[in-house]
Protein backbone atom coordinates (compact mmCIF):
# COMPACT_ATOMS: atom_id res chain seq x y z
CA GLY A 1 25.85 -50.17 -18.22
CA VAL A 2 25.04 -48.57 -14.93
CA LEU A 3 28.16 -47.21 -13.45
CA PRO A 4 29.11 -47.94 -9.71
CA GLY A 5 27.73 -45.18 -7.32
CA THR A 6 24.59 -44.30 -5.49
CA TYR A 7 21.66 -42.84 -7.30
CA VAL A 8 19.05 -40.97 -5.51
CA GLN A 9 16.15 -41.59 -7.71
CA GLY A 10 13.36 -43.34 -8.96
CA ALA A 11 12.90 -44.51 -12.70
CA ALA A 12 9.84 -45.56 -14.72
CA ALA A 13 9.62 -46.91 -18.22
CA GLU A 14 6.49 -47.88 -20.46
CA GLY A 15 6.17 -49.36 -23.59
CA ILE A 16 9.95 -49.93 -24.15
CA GLY A 17 11.58 -53.24 -25.76
CA SER A 18 10.51 -55.79 -28.28
CA ALA A 19 10.59 -59.37 -28.93
CA THR A 20 13.84 -58.97 -31.21
CA ALA A 21 15.70 -56.10 -29.30
CA PRO A 22 16.61 -56.95 -25.77
CA ILE A 23 17.55 -54.00 -23.39
CA LEU A 24 20.15 -54.90 -20.78
CA ILE A 25 20.42 -52.55 -17.50
CA GLN A 26 23.44 -54.10 -15.86
CA GLY A 27 25.40 -52.42 -13.17
CA VAL A 28 29.02 -52.43 -13.34
CA GLU A 29 31.16 -53.75 -10.36
CA PRO A 30 30.91 -52.91 -7.51
CA THR A 31 27.34 -52.98 -7.67
CA PRO A 32 25.39 -49.47 -8.05
CA VAL A 33 23.06 -48.69 -5.68
CA PHE A 34 19.43 -47.10 -6.07
CA ASP A 35 18.46 -45.30 -2.59
CA GLY A 36 15.04 -43.87 -2.54
CA ARG A 37 16.13 -42.00 0.80
CA ARG A 38 12.66 -43.35 2.37
CA THR A 39 10.72 -40.74 0.32
CA ILE A 40 10.45 -42.21 -3.30
CA THR A 41 7.89 -44.84 -3.76
CA ILE A 42 9.48 -47.24 -6.27
CA GLY A 43 13.11 -47.89 -7.37
CA LEU A 44 12.49 -49.02 -10.91
CA TRP A 45 9.03 -49.60 -12.38
CA CYS A 46 8.13 -50.88 -16.06
CA THR A 47 4.67 -51.05 -17.53
CA GLN A 48 4.05 -52.86 -20.77
CA CYS A 49 7.74 -53.47 -21.22
CA VAL A 50 9.08 -56.25 -23.56
CA ASN A 51 12.39 -58.28 -23.47
CA LEU A 52 14.22 -56.56 -20.56
CA VAL A 53 17.07 -57.63 -18.27
CA VAL A 54 17.78 -55.90 -15.19
CA ASP A 55 21.12 -57.35 -13.53
CA ASN A 56 23.52 -56.57 -10.63
CA LEU A 57 21.78 -53.41 -9.23
CA ALA A 58 20.67 -52.70 -5.45
CA PHE A 59 17.46 -51.10 -4.35
CA THR A 60 17.02 -49.92 -1.18
CA ASN A 61 14.53 -47.30 0.94
CA TYR A 62 11.79 -47.19 -1.47
CA THR A 63 8.57 -46.59 0.49
CA ASP A 64 6.43 -49.00 -1.67
CA ALA A 65 8.78 -51.74 -3.70
CA GLY A 66 12.30 -51.78 -4.81
CA ILE A 67 11.50 -52.83 -8.28
CA GLY A 68 8.32 -53.95 -10.08
CA VAL A 69 6.60 -54.54 -13.44
CA LEU A 70 3.14 -54.36 -14.83
CA SER A 71 1.54 -55.90 -17.94
CA SER A 72 5.11 -56.86 -19.37
CA THR A 73 6.86 -59.73 -21.23
CA GLN A 74 10.27 -61.37 -21.14
CA ILE A 75 11.44 -59.58 -18.29
CA THR A 76 14.50 -61.22 -16.38
CA MET A 77 15.58 -59.68 -13.00
CA GLN A 78 18.39 -61.26 -11.72
CA ASN A 79 21.63 -60.76 -9.42
CA LEU A 80 19.94 -57.95 -7.68
CA VAL A 81 20.16 -56.91 -4.00
CA VAL A 82 16.46 -55.74 -2.82
CA TYR A 83 16.46 -54.56 0.85
CA GLU A 84 14.62 -52.21 3.23
CA ASN A 85 11.88 -51.31 1.01
CA GLY A 86 8.05 -51.02 1.30
CA PHE A 87 8.24 -49.91 4.96
CA ALA A 88 5.39 -47.53 4.57
CA ALA A 89 3.47 -47.93 1.24
CA GLN A 90 2.03 -44.71 -0.44
CA LEU A 91 0.48 -46.25 -3.35
CA VAL A 92 -2.58 -47.95 -1.49
CA GLY A 93 -4.79 -47.18 -4.39
CA TRP A 94 -2.64 -49.76 -6.27
CA GLY A 95 -3.07 -52.34 -3.50
CA PHE A 96 0.61 -51.85 -2.58
CA GLU A 97 1.37 -53.22 1.00
CA GLY A 98 5.17 -53.36 0.96
CA TYR A 99 7.17 -55.23 -1.73
CA GLY A 100 10.93 -55.85 -2.42
CA ILE A 101 10.04 -57.27 -6.02
CA ASP A 102 6.51 -56.99 -7.41
CA VAL A 103 5.20 -58.87 -10.43
CA ASP A 104 1.71 -57.99 -11.83
CA SER A 105 -0.06 -59.50 -14.64
CA SER A 106 2.93 -60.24 -16.84
CA THR A 107 4.08 -63.16 -18.78
CA GLY A 108 7.56 -64.71 -19.40
CA ILE A 109 9.01 -63.21 -15.97
CA ASP A 110 12.51 -64.96 -14.74
CA ILE A 111 13.29 -63.84 -10.98
CA LEU A 112 16.73 -65.14 -10.72
CA ASN A 113 19.50 -65.27 -7.87
CA ASN A 114 18.21 -62.35 -6.15
CA HIS A 115 19.00 -61.27 -2.36
CA VAL A 116 15.86 -59.86 -0.85
CA TYR A 117 15.48 -58.82 2.99
CA HIS A 118 14.15 -56.70 5.26
CA ASN A 119 11.34 -55.57 2.86
CA GLY A 120 7.70 -55.04 4.19
CA PRO A 121 5.86 -52.54 6.15
CA ASN A 122 7.16 -51.27 9.41
CA PRO A 123 5.12 -50.87 11.68
CA ARG A 124 2.85 -53.53 10.21
CA PRO A 125 -0.92 -51.81 9.69
CA PHE A 126 -3.87 -53.85 10.32
CA GLY A 127 -4.74 -56.53 7.71
CA GLY A 128 -1.68 -56.25 5.77
CA LEU A 129 1.83 -57.69 5.27
CA GLY A 130 4.34 -57.14 2.86
CA THR A 131 6.03 -59.83 0.41
CA GLY A 132 9.82 -60.10 -0.29
CA VAL A 133 9.00 -61.59 -3.91
CA ASN A 134 5.27 -60.56 -4.57
CA THR A 135 3.84 -62.29 -7.80
CA PHE A 136 0.11 -61.80 -8.93
CA ALA A 137 -1.18 -63.23 -12.25
CA CYS A 138 2.18 -64.23 -13.50
CA VAL A 139 2.16 -66.85 -16.31
CA ASP A 140 4.89 -68.70 -17.65
CA CYS A 141 7.34 -67.46 -14.62
CA VAL A 142 10.48 -68.78 -13.18
CA ILE A 143 11.36 -67.74 -9.47
CA ARG A 144 14.51 -69.65 -9.00
CA GLY A 145 17.71 -69.38 -6.75
CA ASN A 146 16.59 -66.34 -4.47
CA TYR A 147 17.50 -65.80 -1.04
CA SER A 148 14.40 -64.12 0.81
CA HIS A 149 14.63 -63.35 4.43
CA ASP A 150 13.69 -61.26 7.41
CA ASN A 151 11.08 -59.68 5.50
CA ILE A 152 7.78 -58.65 7.35
CA GLY A 153 5.50 -60.71 5.39
CA GLY A 154 6.16 -63.54 3.06
CA GLY A 155 9.09 -64.56 1.43
CA ILE A 156 7.50 -65.34 -1.88
CA LEU A 157 3.95 -65.02 -3.09
CA VAL A 158 2.34 -66.77 -6.29
CA GLU A 159 -1.20 -65.48 -6.52
CA ASP A 160 -3.32 -66.69 -9.32
CA GLY A 161 -0.11 -67.67 -11.30
CA ILE A 162 -0.19 -70.31 -14.25
CA ARG A 163 2.94 -72.44 -14.93
CA VAL A 164 4.96 -70.95 -12.41
CA LEU A 165 8.20 -72.54 -11.39
CA VAL A 166 9.54 -71.99 -7.65
CA GLU A 167 13.02 -73.74 -7.51
CA ASP A 168 16.07 -73.66 -5.44
CA ASN A 169 14.99 -70.89 -3.27
CA VAL A 170 15.88 -70.28 0.38
CA VAL A 171 13.30 -68.55 2.39
CA LYS A 172 14.06 -68.10 6.00
CA PHE A 173 13.43 -65.73 9.03
CA ASN A 174 10.37 -64.01 7.59
CA PHE A 175 7.40 -62.61 9.99
CA LEU A 176 4.17 -63.93 8.94
CA ASP A 177 2.13 -63.59 11.89
CA ALA A 178 -1.13 -61.69 11.26
CA THR A 179 -3.02 -63.70 13.72
CA GLU A 180 -4.38 -60.39 15.44
CA ASP A 181 -6.39 -59.99 12.09
CA GLY A 182 -7.22 -63.76 11.67
CA TRP A 183 -4.92 -65.00 9.43
CA TRP A 184 -1.24 -65.83 8.67
CA ASP A 185 1.24 -65.46 5.68
CA GLY A 186 3.43 -68.06 4.52
CA GLY A 187 7.14 -68.44 3.78
CA LEU A 188 6.00 -69.25 0.30
CA TRP A 189 2.29 -68.42 -0.26
CA ILE A 190 0.46 -70.18 -3.41
CA ASP A 191 -2.88 -69.34 -3.91
CA GLY A 192 -5.33 -69.82 -7.14
CA GLY A 193 -4.06 -70.22 -10.52
CA HIS A 194 -2.93 -73.64 -11.90
CA ASP A 195 -0.19 -76.00 -13.21
CA SER A 196 2.35 -74.60 -10.85
CA ILE A 197 5.67 -76.51 -9.42
CA VAL A 198 7.51 -75.91 -6.15
CA ARG A 199 10.54 -78.15 -5.85
CA ASN A 200 14.04 -78.28 -4.40
CA ASN A 201 13.46 -75.00 -1.81
CA LEU A 202 14.25 -74.54 1.74
CA PHE A 203 11.72 -72.90 4.07
CA GLN A 204 13.18 -72.56 7.50
CA GLU A 205 12.49 -70.68 10.80
CA ASN A 206 9.90 -68.56 9.51
CA ILE A 207 7.54 -67.32 12.01
CA GLY A 208 4.27 -68.84 10.54
CA PRO A 209 3.91 -71.53 7.92
CA GLY A 210 6.69 -72.52 5.82
CA VAL A 211 4.25 -72.95 2.96
CA GLU A 212 0.72 -71.95 2.53
CA ILE A 213 -1.51 -73.27 -0.12
CA SER A 214 -5.30 -71.69 -0.49
CA ASP A 215 -8.02 -70.78 -2.93
CA GLU A 216 -9.24 -67.53 -1.50
CA ASP A 217 -11.31 -66.67 -4.62
CA PHE A 218 -12.56 -69.99 -5.28
CA GLN A 219 -10.70 -70.55 -8.38
CA HIS A 220 -10.55 -74.33 -7.79
CA PRO A 221 -6.64 -74.42 -8.73
CA TYR A 222 -5.28 -77.80 -10.06
CA GLY A 223 -2.01 -79.26 -11.12
CA TYR A 224 0.01 -77.85 -8.01
CA ILE A 225 3.38 -80.50 -7.82
CA LEU A 226 5.34 -79.81 -4.74
CA GLU A 227 8.28 -82.24 -4.47
CA ASN A 228 11.75 -82.40 -2.73
CA ASN A 229 11.35 -79.18 -0.42
CA SER A 230 12.85 -78.73 3.04
CA VAL A 231 10.45 -77.49 5.56
CA LEU A 232 12.05 -77.05 8.87
CA SER A 233 11.53 -75.39 12.31
CA ASN A 234 8.81 -72.94 11.09
CA THR A 235 5.96 -71.98 13.35
CA TYR A 236 3.84 -74.29 11.40
CA GLY A 237 5.26 -76.64 8.73
């Protein structure tokens, strides 16, 4: 367990865990806070990790992302508070634009019951917007029960995802306007991939589209199911 307090540091792990030996990183109440003091790039980053649970922690003031995983399997991120990250991305060579939670090229990822807000670039650079919950090439992933709001950029991104379930999330008040650059972000932006389900979500009062569906790389996506979502009072539905 992680004891209560404020931790002024970032942490990185590579190749830890196994399918039969889960690792639990869990905060003890009151929720411990990892604080990047607006200088450290990422709060917690895991590469090629397996069977890891991160629970009941807060991440704030990291320049690029609060928490992220790359090329990992069986990762759960739950009950996290992720706020005021990604305001001035330094890892531009990695393609970072400023994120709360970032998942890249990973399988079996559960993103559950997190509060994600005030993330993204500030000021916004030309051609870029951040994302509260950012996923790329996520396979067999669940994004459920999160509250993603007031981010500069999308609330949730599912890019090139396969069998991704987006369910029971609330996405509000995100700033999605990049019309100066000729495009919009979405409260939920789903692009490419296939066989993903979006259901029982609320997309409300976002500055831009509540839900945006696209095929930027001409992948001919298929198998999208959108059902029982509420899309209310956004600039566009």
